[in-house]
Amino acid sequence: MEIIGQPPELAGLKCEALICEGFVLKGRAVTNANVVYLCFPGAWHKLILDCGVIIWRRSERAPEPWTISDRGWDYPHVDVGFAADVVGHHLEKYDMRATTSGCQVTFLFDNGRSVIIDNVQDQSEYQIC
């Protein structure tokens, strides 16, 4: 597993947002976590899992859904933080690991909820546990 960028120190911080950007091609959902945006005490972080590579970047502002209409590409956003009931809760830890077909990042919150971002064969999906 390769990590590009500096993984942020988020343990112990309160989650303000966790948004997953999907990818829809001509009306067909391809992936629901193409890019993951996290906000902890006012700082936005961008997480991308791609073929066994975990990429971390800072983001200057909250993300917005977007489209490339002439190609039939849509990038919808899902407020996973709200759906998982982790907004307002503290992150206990997150783990990054390689898997047999990609990589995975698991976020564990102080209310016992987890959000898992799993990249398998170049497609990333989120799961709420």
Protein backbone atom coordinates (compact mmCIF):
# COMPACT_ATOMS: atom_id res chain seq x y z
CA MET A 1 0.00 0.00 0.00
CA GLU A 2 1.27 3.44 -0.91
CA ILE A 3 0.26 6.64 0.88
CA ILE A 4 0.52 9.96 -0.95
CA GLY A 5 0.28 13.13 1.12
CA GLN A 6 0.33 13.47 4.88
CA PRO A 7 -2.39 11.56 6.76
CA PRO A 8 -3.94 14.13 9.11
CA GLU A 9 -3.96 13.79 12.89
CA LEU A 10 -7.71 13.48 13.48
CA ALA A 11 -7.97 11.20 16.54
CA GLY A 12 -9.83 12.91 19.37
CA LEU A 13 -11.30 15.61 17.13
CA LYS A 14 -15.02 16.26 16.64
CA CYS A 15 -16.42 15.37 13.23
CA GLU A 16 -18.14 18.31 11.55
CA ALA A 17 -18.79 16.60 8.21
CA LEU A 18 -18.13 13.40 6.28
CA ILE A 19 -19.28 13.64 2.66
CA CYS A 20 -18.82 11.00 -0.02
CA GLU A 21 -18.77 12.00 -3.67
CA GLY A 22 -20.05 9.31 -5.97
CA PHE A 23 -19.69 8.85 -9.70
CA VAL A 24 -22.67 8.24 -11.99
CA LEU A 25 -22.10 7.49 -15.66
CA LYS A 26 -25.08 8.16 -17.93
CA GLY A 27 -27.54 7.51 -15.11
CA ARG A 28 -25.81 4.38 -13.78
CA ALA A 29 -24.12 4.53 -10.36
CA VAL A 30 -20.51 3.39 -10.70
CA THR A 31 -19.21 4.13 -7.20
CA ASN A 32 -20.50 5.95 -4.11
CA ALA A 33 -17.18 7.06 -2.58
CA ASN A 34 -15.06 8.28 -5.47
CA VAL A 35 -13.78 11.05 -3.16
CA VAL A 36 -14.31 11.40 0.60
CA TYR A 37 -14.39 14.84 2.23
CA LEU A 38 -13.93 15.13 5.97
CA CYS A 39 -14.21 18.24 8.14
CA PHE A 40 -12.71 18.30 11.63
CA PRO A 41 -12.58 21.61 13.58
CA GLY A 42 -13.02 23.78 10.49
CA ALA A 43 -10.36 22.01 8.39
CA TRP A 44 -11.43 20.11 5.27
CA HIS A 45 -9.53 17.00 4.18
CA LYS A 46 -9.87 15.12 0.90
CA LEU A 47 -9.34 11.34 0.79
CA ILE A 48 -9.06 9.28 -2.38
CA LEU A 49 -8.46 5.52 -2.58
CA ASP A 50 -7.20 4.42 -5.98
CA CYS A 51 -5.84 0.97 -6.90
CA GLY A 52 -4.20 0.34 -3.53
CA VAL A 53 -3.01 3.95 -3.14
CA ILE A 54 -4.36 6.19 -0.38
CA ILE A 55 -4.18 9.89 -1.21
CA TRP A 56 -4.63 12.66 1.38
CA ARG A 57 -4.99 16.34 0.50
CA ARG A 58 -6.23 19.47 2.25
CA SER A 59 -9.28 21.13 0.77
CA GLU A 60 -9.96 24.84 1.08
CA ARG A 61 -13.76 24.65 1.31
CA ALA A 62 -16.79 22.42 1.56
CA PRO A 63 -17.33 20.31 -1.57
CA GLU A 64 -20.25 20.73 -3.94
CA PRO A 65 -21.77 18.20 -6.36
CA TRP A 66 -20.86 18.74 -10.00
CA THR A 67 -21.46 17.34 -13.47
CA ILE A 68 -19.94 17.12 -16.92
CA SER A 69 -23.22 17.02 -18.80
CA ASP A 70 -21.89 16.47 -22.32
CA ARG A 71 -20.20 13.26 -21.18
CA GLY A 72 -23.02 12.07 -18.91
CA TRP A 73 -20.86 12.25 -15.79
CA ASP A 74 -22.45 13.18 -12.45
CA TYR A 75 -20.69 13.48 -9.13
CA PRO A 76 -23.46 13.45 -6.48
CA HIS A 77 -22.72 13.94 -2.80
CA VAL A 78 -24.06 11.96 0.15
CA ASP A 79 -23.91 13.30 3.70
CA VAL A 80 -22.56 10.06 5.15
CA GLY A 81 -21.68 11.78 8.43
CA PHE A 82 -25.35 12.56 9.04
CA ALA A 83 -26.53 9.14 7.82
CA ALA A 84 -24.02 7.38 10.11
CA ASP A 85 -24.83 9.69 13.06
CA VAL A 86 -21.16 10.63 13.51
CA VAL A 87 -21.39 14.41 13.04
CA GLY A 88 -20.75 15.95 16.45
CA HIS A 89 -18.95 12.85 17.69
CA HIS A 90 -15.23 12.47 18.26
CA LEU A 91 -13.11 10.26 16.06
CA GLU A 92 -11.41 7.62 18.20
CA LYS A 93 -9.10 6.54 15.39
CA TYR A 94 -8.81 5.65 11.75
CA ASP A 95 -6.91 2.77 10.21
CA MET A 96 -5.51 2.43 6.71
CA ARG A 97 -4.70 -0.99 5.32
CA ALA A 98 -4.00 -2.85 2.13
CA THR A 99 -6.41 -5.57 1.03
CA THR A 100 -6.00 -8.34 -1.53
CA SER A 101 -7.74 -6.25 -4.20
CA GLY A 102 -7.12 -2.63 -3.12
CA CYS A 103 -7.13 -0.78 0.18
CA GLN A 104 -9.42 0.30 2.98
CA VAL A 105 -9.78 3.14 5.48
CA THR A 106 -11.91 2.62 8.59
CA PHE A 107 -13.07 5.52 10.77
CA LEU A 108 -14.18 4.60 14.33
CA PHE A 109 -16.16 7.15 16.36
CA ASP A 110 -16.79 7.50 20.09
CA ASN A 111 -20.46 6.51 19.71
CA GLY A 112 -19.44 3.07 18.42
CA ARG A 113 -20.28 3.86 14.79
CA SER A 114 -17.83 3.17 11.97
CA VAL A 115 -17.55 4.36 8.39
CA ILE A 116 -15.50 2.13 6.11
CA ILE A 117 -14.21 3.25 2.73
CA ASP A 118 -13.27 0.17 0.72
CA ASN A 119 -11.51 0.30 -2.65
CA VAL A 120 -11.85 -2.92 -4.64
CA GLN A 121 -10.56 -3.12 -8.20
CA ASP A 122 -10.48 0.68 -8.54
CA GLN A 123 -14.00 1.33 -7.21
CA SER A 124 -14.53 2.87 -3.78
CA GLU A 125 -17.66 2.31 -1.71
CA TYR A 126 -18.63 3.45 1.76
CA GLN A 127 -20.22 1.28 4.38
CA ILE A 128 -21.77 2.37 7.68
CA CYS A 129 -21.43 -0.01 10.64
